[in-house]
Amino acid sequence: MKIVILGAGRVGASVAASLVSERNDITVVDTDVAELRELQDRLDLRTVAGNGTHPPVLEQAGIGDADMLIATTARDETNLVACQIAARLYNVPTRIARIRAPEFQAHPEITGEGGFYVDHLICPEQTVTDYVRKLIEFPEALQVLEFGGGRASLIAVRAYEGGQLVSRPISELRARHPDIDVRVVAIFRNDRSIRPEGDTTIEPGDEVFVLAASEHIRTALSDLRRLDKPVRRVMIAGGGNIGLRLARSLGEEYQVRLVETSRARCDYLVTQVPASTLVLQGDTTDESLLSDEGIAEMDLFVAVTSDDENNIMSSMLAKRMGARRTIALINRQAYAELVEGNRIDIAIVPAQATIGQLLAHVRRGDVVAVHSLRRGAAEALEVIAHGDAKSSQVVGRRIEQVDLPRGATIGAIVRPAAEDVLLAARRGPREQAPAEVIIAHHDVVINSGDHLIVFVENRRIISKIEKLFQVNVGFF
């Protein structure tokens, strides 16, 4: 696929790195020549220096025969105008824009057909906010992902000594909960993948990925570790775009303290957050401030400033002073891998949290959702099966008959109700309303219209998965 990316910043560079690794033809456009040079030295792609809203620059980047434009610059207006130019002058089939201002998201008539012609909006700040909210809902988890409109959930959790299923075979999970169907789709031990079989033993320290209907996830977690107390008190370090969104999202349900260094920004924040949220001016790397504001009583400390070092230091300090759980926003992936699991419980890399939204539009086949796992090394996909037994390699076959490449696992099926399948035939497959979660045991038969949740432990086999779900031309 030929893709033009506007912006060589952190989001654009991460998107480029992910897409280049899958043998796409990538061109990156930016006004910063130094950023482009660094990117070209590191990755196999083309770069063009210039403003992405200028047609000559876009033409130099090959926009005329591009399959997709991804506009990820720091300015919303630049991204929107670039999408409009790509649509109206060059008829680019798919146009994706990164947006920060929530006002654009609230008015689709501005961004859609007749407006700026954006096919898909992505907002890293909102993605991170949603990510943190899920971690608050499941404080034991390392990652929480939803599929099938929220009916199925995949959760990553660290197995702890004392968990009822820790140091015991996976087969006992079914025996313990005969009325609940749960699937362990992957185990990583010391960064090495362990293929889960019935006799596989979960060891303390293992990173375990558990898939089940969303209402059963908490029961499955209780078998791997002691459930933490619910989160009630939250301190947020940083009142930027993410900190503000997070404070707005949490303010009505939790006791929130928002700490920001700028006095002018604090004055603005007070007018934007719920009345119950306490806005404080100060530096969260200041030990006396944390002590005065009761850090030892906090259930969660979240550092989301624009400075990686500040987020790391304040989170480590908060943990040492008694905060029960800490989350740090870290843009540099190498930093995140270095500190996570020590004094920082969870490190979030915004670009990795966002990349799944883009990959869903790049993947071949009818892919509804893509989630990046383990810093982008693995993926979980929600793919819709189409066709019949003659035209498809999966429809009409039992799970055990599907020729999956090694390293891929079908974990569950979200099956629409019969009436939803009929409606989808008129409205399009993405408008189906999934109704039933079926854990993918070996004898389950795949139907046309099923949403399959596929765990891929190594992204190098993604192309094989895509081919597996493609329908023969004769079907149409």
Protein backbone atom coordinates (compact mmCIF):
# COMPACT_ATOMS: atom_id res chain seq x y z
CA MET A 1 0.00 0.00 0.00
CA LYS A 2 1.30 3.48 -0.88
CA ILE A 3 0.91 5.81 2.10
CA VAL A 4 1.82 9.49 2.56
CA ILE A 5 2.33 10.57 6.19
CA LEU A 6 2.35 14.26 7.13
CA GLY A 7 4.40 14.99 10.24
CA ALA A 8 7.66 13.45 11.42
CA GLY A 9 6.99 14.02 15.10
CA ARG A 10 6.52 11.25 17.67
CA VAL A 11 3.14 10.11 16.35
CA GLY A 12 4.12 10.32 12.68
CA ALA A 13 7.47 8.61 13.25
CA SER A 14 5.84 5.77 15.22
CA VAL A 15 3.20 5.29 12.54
CA ALA A 16 5.88 5.26 9.84
CA ALA A 17 8.01 2.72 11.72
CA SER A 18 5.04 0.40 12.21
CA LEU A 19 3.86 0.60 8.59
CA VAL A 20 7.34 0.30 7.04
CA SER A 21 7.87 -2.96 8.90
CA GLU A 22 4.91 -4.38 6.97
CA ARG A 23 6.41 -3.56 3.56
CA ASN A 24 4.24 -0.57 2.75
CA ASP A 25 5.58 2.18 0.48
CA ILE A 26 5.90 5.12 2.90
CA THR A 27 6.67 8.79 2.23
CA VAL A 28 6.92 11.23 5.16
CA VAL A 29 6.45 14.99 4.71
CA ASP A 30 7.60 17.58 7.25
CA THR A 31 9.11 21.07 7.38
CA ASP A 32 11.83 19.93 9.81
CA VAL A 33 14.72 18.67 7.68
CA ALA A 34 16.65 17.35 10.71
CA GLU A 35 13.70 15.21 11.81
CA LEU A 36 13.33 13.83 8.30
CA ARG A 37 17.04 13.02 8.05
CA GLU A 38 16.96 11.14 11.37
CA LEU A 39 13.89 9.20 10.24
CA GLN A 40 15.40 8.28 6.87
CA ASP A 41 18.61 7.09 8.52
CA ARG A 42 16.57 4.76 10.70
CA LEU A 43 13.85 3.49 8.36
CA ASP A 44 13.47 2.39 4.75
CA LEU A 45 11.22 5.20 3.48
CA ARG A 46 11.17 8.39 1.41
CA THR A 47 11.05 11.88 2.87
CA VAL A 48 9.98 15.22 1.42
CA ALA A 49 10.71 18.56 3.08
CA GLY A 50 7.90 21.07 2.88
CA ASN A 51 4.42 22.08 3.99
CA GLY A 52 1.91 19.28 3.59
CA THR A 53 -0.89 21.68 2.64
CA HIS A 54 0.97 22.85 -0.50
CA PRO A 55 -0.03 20.85 -3.61
CA PRO A 56 3.50 20.88 -5.14
CA VAL A 57 4.89 19.33 -1.96
CA LEU A 58 2.16 16.68 -1.93
CA GLU A 59 2.79 15.93 -5.60
CA GLN A 60 6.50 15.48 -4.89
CA ALA A 61 5.49 12.98 -2.17
CA GLY A 62 3.48 11.00 -4.72
CA ILE A 63 -0.01 11.93 -3.56
CA GLY A 64 -1.41 11.38 -7.07
CA ASP A 65 -1.31 7.59 -6.80
CA ALA A 66 -1.35 7.22 -3.00
CA ASP A 67 -3.79 4.79 -1.39
CA MET A 68 -3.89 6.69 1.91
CA LEU A 69 -3.00 10.01 3.51
CA ILE A 70 -2.31 10.08 7.26
CA ALA A 71 -2.00 13.65 8.58
CA THR A 72 -0.34 13.65 12.02
CA THR A 73 1.15 17.14 12.34
CA ALA A 74 0.80 19.07 15.59
CA ARG A 75 -1.78 21.48 14.10
CA ASP A 76 -5.38 20.37 13.61
CA GLU A 77 -5.92 22.91 10.86
CA THR A 78 -2.99 21.61 8.81
CA ASN A 79 -4.24 18.04 9.07
CA LEU A 80 -7.79 18.97 8.06
CA VAL A 81 -6.78 21.10 5.09
CA ALA A 82 -4.37 18.41 3.86
CA CYS A 83 -7.18 15.84 3.88
CA GLN A 84 -9.44 18.20 1.96
CA ILE A 85 -6.78 18.82 -0.69
CA ALA A 86 -6.02 15.09 -0.94
CA ALA A 87 -9.70 14.34 -1.54
CA ARG A 88 -10.67 17.16 -3.87
CA LEU A 89 -7.52 17.52 -5.97
CA TYR A 90 -6.07 14.01 -5.96
CA ASN A 91 -8.96 11.70 -5.07
CA VAL A 92 -6.94 9.81 -2.43
CA PRO A 93 -9.19 6.87 -1.35
CA THR A 94 -8.57 7.02 2.43
CA ARG A 95 -7.79 10.13 4.48
CA ILE A 96 -6.99 10.06 8.20
CA ALA A 97 -6.38 13.12 10.38
CA ARG A 98 -4.99 13.50 13.87
CA ILE A 99 -7.16 15.91 15.86
CA ARG A 100 -6.63 17.42 19.31
CA ALA A 101 -9.56 19.84 19.68
CA PRO A 102 -12.68 18.00 20.90
CA GLU A 103 -14.86 20.54 19.08
CA PHE A 104 -13.98 18.97 15.72
CA GLN A 105 -14.96 15.53 16.97
CA ALA A 106 -18.30 16.85 18.23
CA HIS A 107 -19.26 18.18 14.78
CA PRO A 108 -18.80 15.48 12.11
CA GLU A 109 -20.40 17.75 9.51
CA ILE A 110 -17.22 19.87 9.67
CA THR A 111 -14.82 17.01 9.07
CA GLY A 112 -16.87 14.70 6.82
CA GLU A 113 -18.08 14.88 3.21
CA GLY A 114 -18.78 18.47 2.22
CA GLY A 115 -16.40 19.68 4.93
CA PHE A 116 -12.78 18.64 5.16
CA TYR A 117 -13.37 15.15 3.68
CA VAL A 118 -11.75 13.24 6.55
CA ASP A 119 -12.62 9.54 6.55
CA HIS A 120 -11.29 8.80 10.04
CA LEU A 121 -10.30 11.00 12.97
CA ILE A 122 -7.71 9.89 15.51
CA CYS A 123 -7.06 11.64 18.81
CA PRO A 124 -4.07 10.31 20.78
CA GLU A 125 -5.05 12.34 23.83
CA GLN A 126 -8.51 10.78 23.97
CA THR A 127 -7.07 7.32 23.31
CA VAL A 128 -4.72 7.67 26.29
CA THR A 129 -7.57 8.96 28.45
CA ASP A 130 -9.73 5.94 27.58
CA TYR A 131 -6.74 3.66 28.18
CA VAL A 132 -6.21 5.04 31.71
CA ARG A 133 -9.91 4.82 32.52
CA LYS A 134 -9.89 1.11 31.73
CA LEU A 135 -6.85 0.60 33.94
CA ILE A 136 -8.71 2.34 36.75
CA GLU A 137 -11.70 0.05 36.25
CA PHE A 138 -9.38 -2.98 36.44
CA PRO A 139 -6.53 -1.86 38.74
CA GLU A 140 -4.93 -5.32 38.59
CA ALA A 141 -4.43 -5.18 34.82
CA LEU A 142 -1.47 -4.12 32.70
CA GLN A 143 -3.67 -3.59 29.64
CA VAL A 144 -7.42 -3.76 28.96
CA LEU A 145 -8.80 -4.10 25.42
CA GLU A 146 -12.38 -4.39 24.19
CA PHE A 147 -13.83 -6.18 21.16
CA GLY A 148 -17.26 -6.68 19.65
CA GLY A 149 -18.63 -3.38 20.86
CA GLY A 150 -17.42 -4.07 24.41
CA ARG A 151 -18.93 -7.55 24.71
CA ALA A 152 -15.53 -9.29 24.88
CA SER A 153 -12.40 -8.15 26.72
CA LEU A 154 -8.73 -9.10 26.53
CA ILE A 155 -6.76 -8.32 29.67
CA ALA A 156 -3.04 -8.59 30.35
CA VAL A 157 -2.20 -9.33 33.98
CA ARG A 158 0.93 -10.19 35.94
CA ALA A 159 0.48 -13.54 37.75
CA TYR A 160 1.32 -13.28 41.46
CA GLU A 161 2.37 -15.87 44.00
CA GLY A 162 -0.75 -16.91 45.90
CA GLY A 163 -3.15 -16.68 42.96
CA GLN A 164 -5.44 -19.70 42.99
CA LEU A 165 -4.34 -20.83 39.52
CA VAL A 166 -0.71 -19.72 39.74
CA SER A 167 1.70 -22.68 39.70
CA ARG A 168 -1.15 -24.86 38.47
CA PRO A 169 -2.14 -26.08 34.96
CA ILE A 170 -4.45 -23.95 32.81
CA SER A 171 -6.90 -26.86 32.48
CA GLU A 172 -8.02 -26.25 36.07
CA LEU A 173 -9.46 -22.88 35.05
CA ARG A 174 -12.45 -24.59 33.39
CA ALA A 175 -12.90 -26.94 36.35
CA ARG A 176 -12.97 -24.03 38.81
CA HIS A 177 -15.62 -22.12 36.84
CA PRO A 178 -17.74 -24.62 34.86
CA ASP A 179 -20.35 -21.94 34.06
CA ILE A 180 -17.83 -19.39 32.78
CA ASP A 181 -15.84 -19.79 29.57
CA VAL A 182 -12.41 -18.13 29.68
CA ARG A 183 -9.42 -18.50 27.36
CA VAL A 184 -5.75 -17.90 28.14
CA VAL A 185 -4.54 -16.84 24.69
CA ALA A 186 -0.89 -16.08 25.49
CA ILE A 187 1.73 -16.27 28.21
CA PHE A 188 5.01 -14.34 28.19
CA ARG A 189 7.73 -15.46 30.60
CA ASN A 190 10.91 -13.37 30.78
CA ASP A 191 9.89 -11.81 27.45
CA ARG A 192 9.67 -15.25 25.84
CA SER A 193 6.36 -16.53 24.46
CA ILE A 194 4.96 -19.70 26.07
CA ARG A 195 2.22 -21.36 23.99
CA PRO A 196 -0.68 -22.04 26.40
CA GLU A 197 -1.90 -25.65 26.41
CA GLY A 198 -4.11 -27.44 28.93
CA ASP A 199 -1.13 -28.74 30.87
CA THR A 200 0.83 -25.46 30.77
CA THR A 201 1.59 -24.13 34.23
CA ILE A 202 1.27 -20.40 34.95
CA GLU A 203 4.26 -19.25 37.01
CA PRO A 204 4.55 -16.19 39.29
CA GLY A 205 5.71 -13.20 37.25
CA ASP A 206 4.20 -14.45 33.98
CA GLU A 207 2.43 -11.89 31.81
CA VAL A 208 -0.86 -13.62 31.02
CA PHE A 209 -3.39 -12.53 28.37
CA VAL A 210 -6.93 -13.62 29.27
CA LEU A 211 -9.91 -13.38 26.90
CA ALA A 212 -13.56 -13.74 27.91
CA ALA A 213 -16.97 -12.11 27.78
CA SER A 214 -16.54 -8.76 29.53
CA GLU A 215 -18.80 -9.68 32.43
CA HIS A 216 -16.58 -12.68 33.27
CA ILE A 217 -13.17 -11.00 33.16
CA ARG A 218 -13.04 -10.06 36.83
CA THR A 219 -13.67 -13.69 37.85
CA ALA A 220 -10.78 -14.82 35.65
CA LEU A 221 -8.48 -12.19 37.15
CA SER A 222 -9.21 -13.39 40.66
CA ASP A 223 -7.63 -16.76 39.78
CA LEU A 224 -4.31 -15.16 38.83
CA ARG A 225 -3.84 -12.60 41.60
CA ARG A 226 -5.54 -10.99 44.55
CA LEU A 227 -8.01 -8.32 43.41
CA ASP A 228 -6.98 -4.81 44.37
CA LYS A 229 -9.21 -2.39 46.24
CA PRO A 230 -11.24 -0.12 43.95
CA VAL A 231 -9.64 3.18 43.01
CA ARG A 232 -11.18 6.23 44.72
CA ARG A 233 -8.44 8.87 45.07
CA VAL A 234 -6.44 9.97 42.01
CA MET A 235 -3.66 12.55 41.61
CA ILE A 236 -2.87 13.75 38.08
CA ALA A 237 0.46 15.42 37.33
CA GLY A 238 0.17 17.75 34.35
CA GLY A 239 -2.73 19.90 33.20
CA GLY A 240 -2.10 19.72 29.46
CA ASN A 241 -4.49 18.22 26.91
CA ILE A 242 -4.33 14.72 28.38
CA GLY A 243 -4.41 15.84 32.01
CA LEU A 244 -7.46 18.02 31.34
CA ARG A 245 -9.32 15.27 29.48
CA LEU A 246 -8.53 12.81 32.26
CA ALA A 247 -9.67 15.21 34.99
CA ARG A 248 -12.93 15.84 33.13
CA SER A 249 -13.48 12.13 32.65
CA LEU A 250 -12.76 11.13 36.26
CA GLY A 251 -13.99 14.16 38.17
CA GLU A 252 -17.59 13.07 38.72
CA GLU A 253 -16.76 9.56 39.97
CA TYR A 254 -13.42 9.91 41.81
CA GLN A 255 -11.65 12.25 44.20
CA VAL A 256 -9.25 13.98 41.82
CA ARG A 257 -6.32 16.34 42.45
CA LEU A 258 -4.81 17.95 39.34
CA VAL A 259 -1.33 19.47 39.70
CA GLU A 260 0.01 21.94 37.12
CA THR A 261 3.13 24.14 37.21
CA SER A 262 1.76 27.14 35.27
CA ARG A 263 -0.40 29.60 37.22
CA ALA A 264 -2.15 30.81 34.06
CA ARG A 265 -2.96 27.25 33.04
CA CYS A 266 -4.31 26.51 36.54
CA ASP A 267 -6.67 29.47 36.25
CA TYR A 268 -7.98 28.01 32.99
CA LEU A 269 -8.23 24.46 34.35
CA VAL A 270 -10.42 25.57 37.24
CA THR A 271 -13.04 26.71 34.72
CA GLN A 272 -12.90 23.44 32.76
CA VAL A 273 -12.99 20.61 35.32
CA PRO A 274 -15.83 19.46 37.61
CA ALA A 275 -16.26 21.51 40.79
CA SER A 276 -15.20 18.54 42.93
CA THR A 277 -11.75 18.43 41.29
CA LEU A 278 -9.00 20.23 43.24
CA VAL A 279 -6.57 22.13 40.97
CA LEU A 280 -3.15 22.83 42.50
CA GLN A 281 -0.20 24.88 41.26
CA GLY A 282 3.09 23.12 41.88
CA ASP A 283 5.71 20.61 40.78
CA THR A 284 5.06 16.92 41.41
CA THR A 285 8.79 16.22 41.61
CA ASP A 286 8.69 18.31 44.83
CA GLU A 287 8.63 15.88 47.75
CA SER A 288 7.09 18.42 50.15
CA LEU A 289 4.18 19.13 47.78
CA LEU A 290 3.38 15.43 47.43
CA SER A 291 3.56 14.98 51.19
CA ASP A 292 1.33 17.99 51.88
CA GLU A 293 -1.27 16.77 49.39
CA GLY A 294 -1.47 13.29 50.90
CA ILE A 295 0.29 11.20 48.28
CA ALA A 296 0.40 8.26 50.70
CA GLU A 297 -3.41 8.16 50.62
CA MET A 298 -3.65 8.09 46.82
CA ASP A 299 -4.88 4.96 45.10
CA LEU A 300 -3.45 6.11 41.78
CA PHE A 301 -0.84 8.65 40.66
CA VAL A 302 -0.86 9.48 36.92
CA ALA A 303 1.94 11.56 35.41
CA VAL A 304 0.97 13.00 32.01
CA THR A 305 3.15 16.07 31.53
CA SER A 306 4.96 16.65 28.21
CA ASP A 307 8.32 15.83 29.83
CA ASP A 308 9.30 12.14 30.00
CA GLU A 309 11.91 12.66 32.70
CA ASN A 310 9.47 14.59 34.89
CA ASN A 311 6.86 11.86 34.52
CA ILE A 312 9.36 9.16 35.42
CA MET A 313 10.81 10.99 38.43
CA SER A 314 7.47 12.12 39.86
CA SER A 315 5.99 8.62 39.47
CA MET A 316 8.96 6.99 41.17
CA LEU A 317 8.82 9.54 43.98
CA ALA A 318 5.07 9.07 44.41
CA LYS A 319 5.50 5.30 44.61
CA ARG A 320 8.27 5.61 47.19
CA MET A 321 6.09 7.93 49.28
CA GLY A 322 3.18 5.49 49.40
CA ALA A 323 0.98 5.87 46.30
CA ARG A 324 -0.63 2.47 45.73
CA ARG A 325 -0.27 2.47 41.93
CA THR A 326 1.55 4.71 39.46
CA ILE A 327 1.11 5.29 35.72
CA ALA A 328 3.55 7.39 33.68
CA LEU A 329 3.17 8.76 30.16
CA ILE A 330 6.50 8.16 28.40
CA ASN A 331 7.02 9.06 24.75
CA ARG A 332 10.35 7.29 24.34
CA GLN A 333 9.72 3.58 24.10
CA ALA A 334 13.21 2.69 25.36
CA TYR A 335 12.53 4.63 28.57
CA ALA A 336 9.18 2.90 29.02
CA GLU A 337 10.70 -0.57 28.70
CA LEU A 338 13.43 0.39 31.16
CA VAL A 339 11.22 1.65 34.01
CA GLU A 340 7.92 -0.28 33.77
CA GLY A 341 7.44 -2.87 36.48
CA ASN A 342 10.02 -1.37 38.84
CA ARG A 343 8.86 1.71 40.74
CA ILE A 344 6.44 2.57 37.96
CA ASP A 345 3.59 0.10 37.59
CA ILE A 346 2.56 0.98 34.03
CA ALA A 347 4.29 3.08 31.37
CA ILE A 348 2.06 4.29 28.53
CA VAL A 349 3.61 5.17 25.18
CA PRO A 350 0.99 7.38 23.44
CA ALA A 351 2.07 6.48 19.92
CA GLN A 352 1.73 2.75 20.67
CA ALA A 353 -1.69 3.30 22.24
CA THR A 354 -2.79 5.12 19.08
CA ILE A 355 -1.27 2.96 16.35
CA GLY A 356 -4.05 0.36 16.53
CA GLN A 357 -6.61 2.91 15.33
CA LEU A 358 -4.56 3.45 12.19
CA LEU A 359 -3.72 -0.19 11.58
CA ALA A 360 -7.41 -1.10 11.43
CA HIS A 361 -7.62 0.98 8.23
CA VAL A 362 -4.40 -0.39 6.74
CA ARG A 363 -5.06 -4.09 7.26
CA ARG A 364 -6.40 -6.07 4.31
CA GLY A 365 -9.71 -7.84 4.85
CA ASP A 366 -12.61 -6.59 6.96
CA VAL A 367 -10.71 -5.62 10.11
CA VAL A 368 -12.86 -3.87 12.72
CA ALA A 369 -10.20 -3.24 15.37
CA VAL A 370 -6.47 -3.64 15.91
CA HIS A 371 -4.79 -3.37 19.31
CA SER A 372 -1.04 -3.10 19.71
CA LEU A 373 0.36 -5.25 22.53
CA ARG A 374 3.68 -5.50 24.33
CA ARG A 375 5.10 -2.27 22.87
CA GLY A 376 4.01 -3.20 19.34
CA ALA A 377 5.62 -6.66 19.25
CA ALA A 378 2.22 -8.43 19.26
CA GLU A 379 -1.30 -7.60 18.10
CA ALA A 380 -4.89 -8.51 18.75
CA LEU A 381 -7.27 -8.14 15.80
CA GLU A 382 -11.03 -8.26 15.40
CA VAL A 383 -11.73 -9.57 11.90
CA ILE A 384 -15.08 -10.28 10.26
CA ALA A 385 -15.33 -13.58 8.37
CA HIS A 386 -17.08 -13.35 4.99
CA GLY A 387 -18.03 -15.74 2.21
CA ASP A 388 -18.94 -19.41 2.31
CA ALA A 389 -17.14 -22.75 2.50
CA LYS A 390 -16.04 -22.48 -1.15
CA SER A 391 -14.85 -18.87 -1.23
CA SER A 392 -13.40 -18.55 2.28
CA GLN A 393 -10.58 -20.36 4.07
CA VAL A 394 -12.32 -19.98 7.44
CA VAL A 395 -16.12 -19.93 6.99
CA GLY A 396 -17.82 -23.29 7.50
CA ARG A 397 -14.73 -24.78 9.15
CA ARG A 398 -14.06 -25.81 12.71
CA ILE A 399 -11.37 -23.86 14.56
CA GLU A 400 -9.06 -26.89 14.42
CA GLN A 401 -9.41 -26.98 10.60
CA VAL A 402 -8.28 -23.39 10.06
CA ASP A 403 -4.71 -23.23 8.77
CA LEU A 404 -3.42 -20.61 11.20
CA PRO A 405 0.28 -19.72 11.02
CA ARG A 406 2.31 -20.60 14.09
CA GLY A 407 2.09 -17.78 16.63
CA ALA A 408 -1.55 -16.92 15.88
CA THR A 409 -4.53 -17.95 18.02
CA ILE A 410 -8.26 -17.49 17.48
CA GLY A 411 -9.32 -16.70 21.02
CA ALA A 412 -13.04 -16.03 20.70
CA ILE A 413 -15.90 -15.34 18.31
CA VAL A 414 -18.40 -12.52 18.75
CA ARG A 415 -21.43 -13.77 16.83
CA PRO A 416 -24.20 -11.37 15.75
CA ALA A 417 -27.84 -12.31 16.36
CA ALA A 418 -29.60 -13.66 13.25
CA GLU A 419 -31.64 -10.47 12.72
CA ASP A 420 -28.45 -8.37 12.89
CA VAL A 421 -26.87 -10.44 10.14
CA LEU A 422 -29.87 -9.77 7.88
CA LEU A 423 -29.75 -6.04 8.60
CA ALA A 424 -25.99 -5.95 8.01
CA ALA A 425 -26.52 -7.34 4.51
CA ARG A 426 -28.34 -4.07 3.72
CA ARG A 427 -26.27 -1.65 5.82
CA GLY A 428 -22.73 -3.03 5.58
CA PRO A 429 -20.77 -5.45 7.78
CA ARG A 430 -19.34 -2.85 10.15
CA GLU A 431 -22.83 -1.96 11.41
CA GLN A 432 -23.56 -5.38 12.84
CA ALA A 433 -24.50 -5.50 16.52
CA PRO A 434 -22.55 -8.41 18.07
CA ALA A 435 -24.72 -10.44 20.40
CA GLU A 436 -22.94 -13.55 21.68
CA VAL A 437 -19.38 -14.27 22.85
CA ILE A 438 -18.17 -17.81 22.04
CA ILE A 439 -14.78 -18.94 23.30
CA ALA A 440 -12.97 -20.57 20.37
CA HIS A 441 -12.63 -24.23 21.32
CA HIS A 442 -11.34 -26.64 18.66
CA ASP A 443 -14.80 -27.83 17.55
CA VAL A 444 -16.49 -24.42 17.16
CA VAL A 445 -17.63 -23.79 13.56
CA ILE A 446 -17.05 -20.33 12.06
CA ASN A 447 -20.05 -18.67 10.38
CA SER A 448 -20.10 -15.87 7.82
CA GLY A 449 -20.47 -12.57 9.70
CA ASP A 450 -18.65 -13.80 12.81
CA HIS A 451 -16.24 -11.35 14.45
CA LEU A 452 -13.10 -13.37 15.18
CA ILE A 453 -10.66 -12.16 17.83
CA VAL A 454 -7.19 -13.22 16.75
CA PHE A 455 -4.11 -12.93 18.96
CA VAL A 456 -0.84 -12.63 17.02
CA GLU A 457 2.29 -12.96 19.13
CA ASN A 458 4.62 -11.86 16.33
CA ARG A 459 3.63 -9.10 13.89
CA ARG A 460 5.75 -10.62 11.11
CA ILE A 461 2.97 -13.12 10.38
CA ILE A 462 0.25 -10.45 9.97
CA SER A 463 0.31 -10.73 6.17
CA LYS A 464 -0.49 -14.45 6.44
CA ILE A 465 -3.47 -13.67 8.68
CA GLU A 466 -4.73 -11.09 6.19
CA LYS A 467 -4.57 -13.59 3.32
CA LEU A 468 -6.36 -16.20 5.40
CA PHE A 469 -9.41 -13.95 5.81
CA GLN A 470 -9.60 -12.65 2.26
CA VAL A 471 -12.52 -13.93 0.18
CA ASN A 472 -12.00 -15.36 -3.30
CA VAL A 473 -13.02 -12.96 -6.10
CA GLY A 474 -15.59 -15.45 -7.36
CA PHE A 475 -17.72 -14.90 -4.25
CA PHE A 476 -18.68 -11.42 -5.45
